[in-house]
Structures are given as structure tokens and as C-alpha cells.
């Protein structure tokens, strides 16, 4: 198990380039199964979860060739469907949450798709009902082995239909969408997720020959086609990484420039950090964060009540950045209520911040009130363990701002979502060492 050793309390300076988007990559990579033709994908992040999915595609028989750093070709012209029923697949498929999105493409193109109960972050219940209820509405027959926790769907030909999703699940929408593009007739998906990464998937599928309208809205209209062709696609920069670097700059009183952020796809992320008093400057397609040597002050609502920051489906604030917002608030002037609506275990990492001296009241599994120190009392170094990707990076930011030397264990969780994070942080002046 790897460990980061971090000497905190140092200002950073320089430019940092965000990696390709993790959550987009997991969708886009599954979409290569929809065609036997060549698909080229660029700006793929070199992270554990994405590499696991690429390995899974190889075992399925997809021909994968690395062209350069972050650029690959995929050709799914000889998919090994027998692998789906092997014992090895039941092990491999459990390795990451994103594996669930191979089911829709396999079902649509080959008439059957299987998956063991997938893994991922331990942040609370993450049910799969939206995925399978949508596929059933398209005409699939659903099966589940409780003993093996193994799911399966089969259909000779999917048929388009109208469906209203119970929740605007990003991965659920992606899975259903990838099945619907090869279904017979028209499919309407209402209450669809509309994140930029889902929009990217729609645009890619349309370039492959799909007929999807309503892209960017919560109602997608899909006219099924008989087959799809090859294409080339480039990932957006990772908005969660961009938010992480904004928070890092503020907490360490550092001047940082985050380059090539695709401003138009950031939604309310910059404005949410501004509500904490952080200066977020637009310079072309870059974000510049000046050194907050005098700190930053949390806004109140117009009536003077305490600011509340909560997560919501896009275009609301992404839940993946609430952990970052929470840790950044620990050194602000003022107080804020963090309301994590979607996952009931995601705030449990705050006990580590409290150990470091943060003033946080965990109201219940979903809400925490943060009373900022305004740098009058710095966080203290400690030893901690990363519970999931986003909490792990939040603890890393806390450690970089803290007085003394901290250690973070179980950094494999951080590596699942952040590419070479220690090397990239050292390049802007961080004192961080990886110990294996």
C-alpha cells in the first residue's frame, strides 16, 4: 500500500494542466463496443480506473493500440462474448464502477450483456436500478444471480420507447443511450442527465452515425440506426481536477494558472468558489488564481443567512467537488453549510480534518457546518488514510496547507482519479514524496 509524505505550509507557483476527464473517459471507452470500425480517442487520462477499463476491453477481444501519451485506437471487430460468462470476467468486472456501462453497448450490438456487481468508491449506496429499468423498457429480459451478484440482460432486438428516468443518473443515461442508438424506432429519454461529459458522448455517437437530438437538455430523442461507424474523439479537461486546483491555490495562498480548462463546460463551478471569497479570473481559456495572502471571505445569502452549498444534477454543482469546497472552507472567514444530498457516506472523512484542528460540525450523514479559521489557526499535520478519490484529494490539499509533515495512506484511491499527482504537484513547488 502506497503512502504520500507531505511537508505542508509552503506556497506554490506556476501553471498546471488538467488531465482528460475521468468520468467522460469511462463512458467514451465503453462506446467503442458499438462498432466494428476503428475509433481513435485522444486525451485519455493515465489513471487506475481508466486503465482497468482499457484492460477489460482488451480481454473482451477489442484491439487496442497506443499511439502516443493519452491517444489510443480501438477496434471491436472480434468481440469474445464467451469471456462475459467466464469466472475471470466476474473478477475483472468488479474492479471498477465504470464497467457497468459496457452492458448497454453489448446488449444493443450483440443481444446480450452481463456484469458482476461493480466496485468503486465506498461513499454510500449506488444502485443500478436506473440502468436496468431503462434497458428493460427497451425490450431486454433481465436476470440476476443473488449468490454470485451477477447481472444479465438479453434481447434479440431492442425497440424504441418513451421513458421517464427516476433519477438523472449520468452513467444510467449513458448506458441507456448507447443501447437506444441501435434500437428499432424512436426512443425518448426524459429526465436524462445533461452533464458536459454526457453531451460529449452524444456528439461522438452522432459522428459515428447515430441520430440523437436534444443534446444538452434533459430530454434526449434517439432515432435508432442499424449500425455505427468509426470516429475520432478528444476528451474534455477534467472539471473535478480543475476545481481541486482552485481549492489548492486558495488553501496554500498560492498563485496558480490552470491552463486549457474549457470554460464553457465548467458551469457554476467558478462561481461557487467565488462564493467562498476566492478570486477566479478568466484569462482566455485559462483560470488564474492570485495568491490570497489576506485570506478569503465566505458570502452570506441576501437575507444574511448562512451560505449553503449543495450538490445537484447538472447544471447544478457536482457532488464530486463538495469535499474540496468543505476543506477550503476550513480556512475561510465565515461559515458555510455543506449539504451532500446524493451519497450518505461521503462526509465521513471530516473526522480527519477535525483531528487536524478544523472546526466542523457533522450535523448528520448529509450535512456539515464549517466554521472557518481565517488562517488565525493553521491545520496541524497528522497521519490519515484516503477513503475515496475525492476525499483523498481533499485531505491532500489539507496536508499541503498544514503546519508540519503529514502522511496519507491508501493513496491508490487517489491514483484511481488523478494522473501522476505527486509529480505534477512537485513541478509547482509542493513538497510531496511517494513511498511504496
Protein backbone atom coordinates (compact mmCIF):
# COMPACT_ATOMS: atom_id res chain seq x y z
CA UNK A 1 0.00 0.00 0.00
CA UNK A 2 1.45 3.38 -1.05
CA UNK A 3 1.82 6.48 1.12
CA UNK A 4 2.33 10.19 0.47
CA UNK A 5 4.64 12.10 2.77
CA UNK A 6 3.79 15.80 2.60
CA UNK A 7 5.60 18.77 4.11
CA UNK A 8 2.91 21.43 4.33
CA UNK A 9 2.86 25.17 4.75
CA UNK A 10 4.62 26.13 1.50
CA UNK A 11 3.28 28.44 -1.20
CA UNK A 12 3.12 27.01 -4.72
CA UNK A 13 3.51 28.85 -8.01
CA UNK A 14 3.23 28.09 -11.69
CA UNK A 15 0.98 26.52 -14.31
CA UNK A 16 -0.81 23.20 -14.14
CA UNK A 17 -2.61 21.42 -16.99
CA UNK A 18 -5.74 19.42 -16.10
CA UNK A 19 -5.84 15.81 -17.27
CA UNK A 20 -8.51 14.37 -19.55
CA UNK A 21 -11.85 13.86 -17.85
CA UNK A 22 -12.10 10.59 -15.91
CA UNK A 23 -15.90 10.42 -15.93
CA UNK A 24 -16.08 11.13 -19.65
CA UNK A 25 -13.41 8.54 -20.43
CA UNK A 26 -15.36 5.73 -18.76
CA UNK A 27 -18.39 6.42 -20.99
CA UNK A 28 -16.48 7.02 -24.22
CA UNK A 29 -14.36 3.87 -23.87
CA UNK A 30 -17.46 1.71 -23.48
CA UNK A 31 -18.93 3.24 -26.66
CA UNK A 32 -16.17 1.68 -28.81
CA UNK A 33 -18.06 -1.61 -28.41
CA UNK A 34 -20.87 -0.23 -30.59
CA UNK A 35 -18.95 -0.51 -33.87
CA UNK A 36 -16.55 -2.93 -35.59
CA UNK A 37 -14.74 0.05 -37.13
CA UNK A 38 -11.70 1.93 -35.85
CA UNK A 39 -12.25 4.53 -33.10
CA UNK A 40 -9.45 6.93 -32.11
CA UNK A 41 -9.63 8.61 -28.69
CA UNK A 42 -7.32 11.40 -27.51
CA UNK A 43 -6.56 12.99 -24.12
CA UNK A 44 -7.27 9.78 -22.20
CA UNK A 45 -6.07 10.19 -18.59
CA UNK A 46 -3.44 7.72 -17.39
CA UNK A 47 -5.22 6.73 -14.17
CA UNK A 48 -6.03 3.44 -12.48
CA UNK A 49 -9.79 3.31 -13.20
CA UNK A 50 -9.40 4.14 -16.90
CA UNK A 51 -6.51 1.71 -17.34
CA UNK A 52 -8.59 -1.04 -15.73
CA UNK A 53 -11.38 -0.41 -18.25
CA UNK A 54 -8.94 -0.48 -21.18
CA UNK A 55 -7.61 -3.81 -19.84
CA UNK A 56 -11.18 -5.13 -19.62
CA UNK A 57 -11.82 -4.14 -23.25
CA UNK A 58 -8.67 -5.98 -24.32
CA UNK A 59 -9.87 -9.14 -22.56
CA UNK A 60 -13.17 -8.76 -24.40
CA UNK A 61 -11.22 -9.01 -27.64
CA UNK A 62 -11.04 -5.32 -28.54
CA UNK A 63 -7.85 -4.49 -30.43
CA UNK A 64 -6.16 -1.62 -28.57
CA UNK A 65 -3.14 0.30 -29.85
CA UNK A 66 -1.42 3.15 -28.03
CA UNK A 67 -0.43 5.90 -30.50
CA UNK A 68 1.09 8.37 -28.02
CA UNK A 69 0.57 9.55 -24.47
CA UNK A 70 -3.19 9.75 -23.97
CA UNK A 71 -4.02 8.64 -27.55
CA UNK A 72 -5.32 5.17 -28.45
CA UNK A 73 -7.14 3.37 -31.23
CA UNK A 74 -9.82 0.76 -30.53
CA UNK A 75 -11.29 -1.81 -32.93
CA UNK A 76 -14.06 -4.07 -31.62
CA UNK A 77 -14.42 -6.26 -34.73
CA UNK A 78 -13.91 -9.60 -32.95
CA UNK A 79 -15.51 -9.36 -29.51
CA UNK A 80 -15.22 -12.51 -27.36
CA UNK A 81 -18.70 -12.90 -25.88
CA UNK A 82 -17.70 -16.13 -24.11
CA UNK A 83 -15.43 -14.08 -21.84
CA UNK A 84 -18.56 -12.42 -20.41
CA UNK A 85 -19.61 -15.73 -18.82
CA UNK A 86 -16.17 -16.70 -17.54
CA UNK A 87 -15.07 -16.73 -13.91
CA UNK A 88 -12.28 -14.32 -14.79
CA UNK A 89 -14.79 -11.73 -16.03
CA UNK A 90 -16.65 -11.97 -12.74
CA UNK A 91 -13.40 -10.91 -11.05
CA UNK A 92 -12.31 -8.30 -13.60
CA UNK A 93 -15.71 -6.61 -13.88
CA UNK A 94 -15.91 -5.99 -10.14
CA UNK A 95 -12.75 -3.90 -10.25
CA UNK A 96 -14.37 -0.57 -11.14
CA UNK A 97 -17.72 1.16 -11.17
CA UNK A 98 -17.48 2.22 -14.82
CA UNK A 99 -17.64 -1.38 -16.05
CA UNK A 100 -21.44 -1.21 -15.78
CA UNK A 101 -21.51 0.87 -18.99
CA UNK A 102 -20.35 -1.99 -21.20
CA UNK A 103 -23.80 -3.59 -20.75
CA UNK A 104 -25.78 -1.18 -22.97
CA UNK A 105 -23.44 -1.35 -25.98
CA UNK A 106 -23.08 -5.15 -25.75
CA UNK A 107 -26.83 -5.62 -25.47
CA UNK A 108 -27.55 -3.35 -28.43
CA UNK A 109 -24.95 -4.82 -30.78
CA UNK A 110 -24.80 -8.48 -29.72
CA UNK A 111 -28.11 -9.12 -27.97
CA UNK A 112 -26.68 -9.80 -24.52
CA UNK A 113 -24.71 -8.06 -21.85
CA UNK A 114 -23.53 -9.21 -18.43
CA UNK A 115 -21.75 -7.61 -15.49
CA UNK A 116 -20.87 -8.57 -11.92
CA UNK A 117 -21.81 -6.05 -9.23
CA UNK A 118 -19.22 -3.32 -9.90
CA UNK A 119 -16.91 -1.74 -7.34
CA UNK A 120 -15.89 1.91 -6.93
CA UNK A 121 -15.84 4.43 -4.11
CA UNK A 122 -17.36 3.47 -0.76
CA UNK A 123 -19.45 6.62 -0.49
CA UNK A 124 -22.86 5.08 0.13
CA UNK A 125 -25.43 3.18 -1.86
CA UNK A 126 -25.06 3.46 -5.63
CA UNK A 127 -27.91 1.46 -7.07
CA UNK A 128 -28.12 0.17 -10.62
CA UNK A 129 -31.92 0.25 -10.97
CA UNK A 130 -31.95 3.17 -13.43
CA UNK A 131 -29.62 1.30 -15.81
CA UNK A 132 -31.58 -1.94 -15.91
CA UNK A 133 -35.09 -0.44 -15.76
CA UNK A 134 -34.22 1.58 -18.87
CA UNK A 135 -32.85 -1.46 -20.70
CA UNK A 136 -35.94 -3.48 -19.74
CA UNK A 137 -38.17 -0.74 -21.19
CA UNK A 138 -36.22 -1.10 -24.44
CA UNK A 139 -37.28 -4.77 -24.51
CA UNK A 140 -34.46 -6.56 -22.67
CA UNK A 141 -35.07 -9.57 -20.45
CA UNK A 142 -33.34 -9.08 -17.08
CA UNK A 143 -31.71 -11.75 -14.92
CA UNK A 144 -29.84 -11.60 -11.61
CA UNK A 145 -27.95 -14.22 -9.61
CA UNK A 146 -28.09 -13.17 -5.98
CA UNK A 147 -25.47 -15.72 -4.94
CA UNK A 148 -22.89 -14.52 -7.48
CA UNK A 149 -24.16 -10.91 -7.60
CA UNK A 150 -24.16 -11.21 -11.38
CA UNK A 151 -26.48 -9.22 -13.68
CA UNK A 152 -27.54 -10.03 -17.22
CA UNK A 153 -29.79 -8.64 -19.97
CA UNK A 154 -30.71 -10.25 -23.26
CA UNK A 155 -32.80 -9.24 -26.29
CA UNK A 156 -32.99 -10.25 -29.96
CA UNK A 157 -33.68 -6.63 -30.99
CA UNK A 158 -34.32 -3.63 -28.80
CA UNK A 159 -37.33 -1.45 -29.59
CA UNK A 160 -37.53 2.30 -29.04
CA UNK A 161 -39.92 3.63 -26.40
CA UNK A 162 -40.66 6.60 -24.14
CA UNK A 163 -39.16 6.53 -20.67
CA UNK A 164 -39.05 8.91 -17.73
CA UNK A 165 -35.98 8.17 -15.62
CA UNK A 166 -36.50 8.03 -11.87
CA UNK A 167 -33.18 9.81 -11.37
CA UNK A 168 -30.94 11.81 -13.69
CA UNK A 169 -28.14 9.26 -13.41
CA UNK A 170 -25.14 10.11 -15.60
CA UNK A 171 -23.95 6.53 -16.06
CA UNK A 172 -27.54 5.29 -16.28
CA UNK A 173 -28.34 7.78 -19.03
CA UNK A 174 -25.15 6.85 -20.88
CA UNK A 175 -25.89 3.13 -20.71
CA UNK A 176 -29.48 3.52 -21.92
CA UNK A 177 -28.43 5.98 -24.64
CA UNK A 178 -25.79 3.60 -26.01
CA UNK A 179 -28.40 0.83 -26.18
CA UNK A 180 -31.03 3.07 -27.77
CA UNK A 181 -28.88 4.22 -30.70
CA UNK A 182 -29.12 0.71 -32.23
CA UNK A 183 -32.73 0.05 -31.19
CA UNK A 184 -35.57 -0.17 -33.69
CA UNK A 185 -37.59 3.04 -33.86
CA UNK A 186 -37.52 6.13 -31.67
CA UNK A 187 -36.56 6.34 -28.00
CA UNK A 188 -37.31 9.34 -25.76
CA UNK A 189 -35.27 9.60 -22.57
CA UNK A 190 -36.79 12.23 -20.24
CA UNK A 191 -35.04 13.39 -17.04
CA UNK A 192 -31.81 12.43 -18.78
CA UNK A 193 -28.51 13.60 -17.33
CA UNK A 194 -27.11 16.52 -19.33
CA UNK A 195 -23.54 16.89 -17.97
CA UNK A 196 -20.90 18.07 -20.47
CA UNK A 197 -19.43 14.55 -20.47
CA UNK A 198 -22.80 13.11 -21.49
CA UNK A 199 -23.03 15.77 -24.20
CA UNK A 200 -19.59 14.65 -25.39
CA UNK A 201 -20.86 11.07 -25.65
CA UNK A 202 -23.88 12.23 -27.69
CA UNK A 203 -21.67 14.20 -30.07
CA UNK A 204 -19.33 11.24 -30.52
CA UNK A 205 -22.23 8.85 -31.22
CA UNK A 206 -23.72 11.28 -33.75
CA UNK A 207 -20.36 11.42 -35.57
CA UNK A 208 -20.49 7.61 -35.67
CA UNK A 209 -23.87 7.79 -37.41
CA UNK A 210 -26.35 7.88 -34.52
CA UNK A 211 -29.34 10.22 -34.63
CA UNK A 212 -29.60 11.94 -31.24
CA UNK A 213 -31.34 15.28 -30.73
CA UNK A 214 -31.86 17.37 -27.60
CA UNK A 215 -28.16 17.20 -26.71
CA UNK A 216 -27.50 19.33 -23.63
CA UNK A 217 -31.12 19.13 -22.42
CA UNK A 218 -32.81 16.66 -20.10
CA UNK A 219 -34.86 15.17 -22.95
CA UNK A 220 -32.95 13.10 -25.50
CA UNK A 221 -34.68 11.89 -28.66
CA UNK A 222 -32.93 8.92 -30.28
CA UNK A 223 -33.87 7.57 -33.71
CA UNK A 224 -32.36 4.12 -33.93
CA UNK A 225 -29.98 3.14 -36.75
CA UNK A 226 -28.83 -0.27 -37.97
CA UNK A 227 -25.10 0.25 -37.42
CA UNK A 228 -22.45 2.75 -36.39
CA UNK A 229 -19.07 3.58 -37.92
CA UNK A 230 -15.69 4.73 -36.64
CA UNK A 231 -14.71 8.21 -35.47
CA UNK A 232 -12.11 10.28 -33.65
CA UNK A 233 -12.80 11.90 -30.29
CA UNK A 234 -10.98 14.12 -27.78
CA UNK A 235 -11.78 14.19 -24.06
CA UNK A 236 -12.61 17.42 -22.25
CA UNK A 237 -10.34 18.52 -19.40
CA UNK A 238 -11.41 17.09 -16.04
CA UNK A 239 -13.63 19.65 -14.26
CA UNK A 240 -13.11 17.90 -10.91
CA UNK A 241 -9.36 18.31 -11.23
CA UNK A 242 -9.83 21.96 -12.18
CA UNK A 243 -11.91 22.53 -9.05
CA UNK A 244 -9.30 20.69 -6.98
CA UNK A 245 -6.54 23.03 -8.21
CA UNK A 246 -8.68 26.12 -7.47
CA UNK A 247 -9.11 24.88 -3.91
CA UNK A 248 -5.42 24.01 -3.60
CA UNK A 249 -4.36 27.52 -4.67
CA UNK A 250 -6.66 29.19 -2.13
CA UNK A 251 -5.71 26.92 0.79
CA UNK A 252 -1.97 27.34 0.24
CA UNK A 253 -2.15 31.10 -0.57
CA UNK A 254 -0.57 30.26 -3.93
CA UNK A 255 -0.67 31.93 -7.33
CA UNK A 256 -1.61 29.29 -9.89
CA UNK A 257 -2.71 29.25 -13.50
CA UNK A 258 -4.83 26.30 -14.63
CA UNK A 259 -4.45 26.03 -18.40
CA UNK A 260 -6.91 24.99 -21.14
CA UNK A 261 -9.91 24.47 -18.85
CA UNK A 262 -12.72 24.64 -21.47
CA UNK A 263 -14.51 27.47 -19.63
CA UNK A 264 -17.82 26.90 -21.42
CA UNK A 265 -18.08 23.42 -19.87
CA UNK A 266 -17.43 24.43 -16.24
CA UNK A 267 -20.99 25.56 -15.45
CA UNK A 268 -21.33 27.11 -11.98
CA UNK A 269 -18.05 25.71 -10.64
CA UNK A 270 -16.10 29.02 -10.84
CA UNK A 271 -18.99 30.99 -9.32
CA UNK A 272 -19.35 28.52 -6.45
CA UNK A 273 -15.70 29.03 -5.48
CA UNK A 274 -16.24 32.80 -5.75
CA UNK A 275 -18.99 32.48 -3.12
CA UNK A 276 -16.25 31.31 -0.74
CA UNK A 277 -14.40 34.55 -1.49
CA UNK A 278 -11.87 33.03 -3.88
CA UNK A 279 -10.79 35.14 -6.85
CA UNK A 280 -11.22 33.10 -10.04
CA UNK A 281 -10.00 35.05 -13.08
CA UNK A 282 -10.68 34.11 -16.70
CA UNK A 283 -7.63 34.57 -18.93
CA UNK A 284 -8.54 33.28 -22.38
CA UNK A 285 -9.25 29.60 -21.76
CA UNK A 286 -7.14 29.57 -18.59
CA UNK A 287 -8.05 30.14 -14.94
CA UNK A 288 -5.76 32.38 -12.90
CA UNK A 289 -5.90 32.23 -9.09
CA UNK A 290 -3.90 35.05 -7.44
CA UNK A 291 -2.23 34.45 -4.07
CA UNK A 292 -4.86 35.02 -1.35
CA UNK A 293 -2.38 36.47 1.13
CA UNK A 294 -5.19 38.27 3.00
CA UNK A 295 -7.44 35.21 3.02
CA UNK A 296 -10.91 34.86 1.55
CA UNK A 297 -14.37 35.57 2.99
CA UNK A 298 -17.50 33.44 2.58
CA UNK A 299 -20.55 35.29 1.29
CA UNK A 300 -23.92 35.16 3.02
CA UNK A 301 -27.29 34.90 1.34
CA UNK A 302 -29.06 38.20 0.59
CA UNK A 303 -31.11 37.96 3.81
CA UNK A 304 -27.95 37.47 5.85
CA UNK A 305 -28.44 33.75 6.49
CA UNK A 306 -25.54 31.28 6.34
CA UNK A 307 -24.42 30.24 2.86
CA UNK A 308 -25.42 26.70 1.88
CA UNK A 309 -23.59 24.84 -0.89
CA UNK A 310 -25.26 21.66 -2.04
CA UNK A 311 -24.93 19.22 -4.92
CA UNK A 312 -27.47 18.74 -7.68
CA UNK A 313 -27.70 17.18 -11.15
CA UNK A 314 -26.10 19.32 -13.87
CA UNK A 315 -26.27 22.27 -14.31
CA UNK A 316 -26.22 22.22 -10.51
CA UNK A 317 -22.99 21.82 -8.55
CA UNK A 318 -21.25 18.47 -8.98
CA UNK A 319 -21.13 16.27 -5.85
CA UNK A 320 -17.53 15.32 -6.66
CA UNK A 321 -16.36 18.80 -5.64
CA UNK A 322 -18.21 19.16 -2.32
CA UNK A 323 -15.29 17.53 -0.47
CA UNK A 324 -12.97 20.18 -1.95
CA UNK A 325 -15.35 23.01 -1.03
CA UNK A 326 -15.54 21.69 2.52
CA UNK A 327 -11.79 21.58 3.09
CA UNK A 328 -11.28 25.01 1.51
CA UNK A 329 -13.91 26.48 3.85
CA UNK A 330 -11.89 25.42 6.91
CA UNK A 331 -9.54 28.43 6.40
CA UNK A 332 -12.09 30.97 5.14
CA UNK A 333 -13.57 33.93 7.04
CA UNK A 334 -17.11 32.98 7.94
CA UNK A 335 -19.19 29.83 7.96
CA UNK A 336 -20.88 27.62 5.40
CA UNK A 337 -23.29 24.67 5.47
CA UNK A 338 -22.29 21.82 3.13
CA UNK A 339 -25.26 19.66 2.09
CA UNK A 340 -24.27 16.42 0.36
CA UNK A 341 -27.60 15.10 -0.90
CA UNK A 342 -26.60 12.20 -3.12
CA UNK A 343 -24.29 9.94 -1.05
CA UNK A 344 -24.74 9.26 2.64
CA UNK A 345 -21.13 8.29 3.43
CA UNK A 346 -19.20 10.96 1.58
CA UNK A 347 -18.81 13.37 4.51
CA UNK A 348 -17.43 10.85 6.98
CA UNK A 349 -13.86 11.89 6.15
CA UNK A 350 -14.35 15.14 8.11
CA UNK A 351 -13.14 13.43 11.30
CA UNK A 352 -9.64 13.55 9.78
CA UNK A 353 -9.96 17.32 9.27
CA UNK A 354 -11.24 17.75 12.82
CA UNK A 355 -8.14 15.88 14.03
CA UNK A 356 -6.09 18.48 12.12
CA UNK A 357 -7.83 21.28 14.01
CA UNK A 358 -10.67 22.19 11.63
CA UNK A 359 -13.91 23.49 13.13
CA UNK A 360 -16.57 21.27 11.58
CA UNK A 361 -19.91 20.13 12.97
CA UNK A 362 -21.15 16.98 11.27
CA UNK A 363 -24.89 17.52 11.60
CA UNK A 364 -25.87 14.18 10.06
CA UNK A 365 -24.56 11.92 7.24
CA UNK A 366 -25.54 14.53 4.66
CA UNK A 367 -24.76 17.91 6.25
CA UNK A 368 -21.73 19.56 7.80
CA UNK A 369 -21.27 23.11 9.08
CA UNK A 370 -17.76 24.55 8.66
CA UNK A 371 -16.54 27.50 10.76
CA UNK A 372 -13.51 28.95 9.00
CA UNK A 373 -10.24 29.73 10.84
CA UNK A 374 -9.32 32.70 8.61
CA UNK A 375 -5.72 31.41 8.91
CA UNK A 376 -5.59 32.52 12.55
CA UNK A 377 -5.05 28.87 13.37
CA UNK A 378 -3.42 26.64 10.76
CA UNK A 379 -4.29 22.98 10.33
CA UNK A 380 -1.89 20.58 12.05
CA UNK A 381 -0.06 17.77 10.31
CA UNK A 382 -1.25 14.23 11.00
CA UNK A 383 -1.37 10.68 9.63
CA UNK A 384 -4.52 9.74 7.74
CA UNK A 385 -5.96 7.29 5.22
CA UNK A 386 -7.67 8.13 1.93
CA UNK A 387 -11.23 6.66 1.99
CA UNK A 388 -12.14 7.51 -1.64
CA UNK A 389 -10.85 9.52 -4.61
CA UNK A 390 -12.34 12.92 -3.81
CA UNK A 391 -11.92 12.79 -0.03
CA UNK A 392 -8.33 11.65 -0.60
CA UNK A 393 -7.51 14.73 -2.66
CA UNK A 394 -9.27 16.95 -0.11
CA UNK A 395 -7.04 15.50 2.62
CA UNK A 396 -4.02 16.03 0.36
CA UNK A 397 -4.94 19.72 -0.04
CA UNK A 398 -5.36 19.98 3.74
CA UNK A 399 -1.93 18.41 4.26
CA UNK A 400 -0.27 20.80 1.78
CA UNK A 401 -1.65 23.76 3.76
CA UNK A 402 -0.96 22.30 7.23
CA UNK A 403 1.95 23.05 9.51
CA UNK A 404 4.37 20.10 9.69
CA UNK A 405 4.72 16.79 7.88
CA UNK A 406 1.65 14.64 7.17
CA UNK A 407 1.29 11.16 5.75
CA UNK A 408 -1.63 9.88 3.69
CA UNK A 409 -2.02 6.13 3.34
CA UNK A 410 -4.06 4.13 0.82
CA UNK A 411 -3.10 6.58 -1.93
CA UNK A 412 -4.20 4.03 -4.52
CA UNK A 413 -7.61 5.63 -4.06
CA UNK A 414 -6.18 8.98 -5.21
CA UNK A 415 -4.35 7.32 -8.12
CA UNK A 416 -7.69 5.98 -9.35
CA UNK A 417 -8.69 9.51 -10.39
CA UNK A 418 -5.60 11.73 -10.58
CA UNK A 419 -2.75 11.22 -13.03
CA UNK A 420 0.79 11.37 -11.57
CA UNK A 421 -0.47 13.81 -8.98
CA UNK A 422 2.73 13.87 -6.91
CA UNK A 423 4.95 14.65 -9.92
CA UNK A 424 2.66 17.40 -11.12
CA UNK A 425 2.46 18.98 -7.66
CA UNK A 426 6.24 18.91 -7.25
CA UNK A 427 6.51 20.79 -10.57
CA UNK A 428 4.71 23.77 -8.96
CA UNK A 429 6.68 23.64 -5.73
CA UNK A 430 4.88 21.13 -3.50
CA UNK A 431 6.98 19.06 -1.13
CA UNK A 432 5.43 15.65 -1.57
CA UNK A 433 7.06 12.23 -1.70
CA UNK A 434 5.59 8.89 -2.74
CA UNK A 435 6.64 5.97 -0.55
CA UNK A 436 5.78 2.46 -1.75
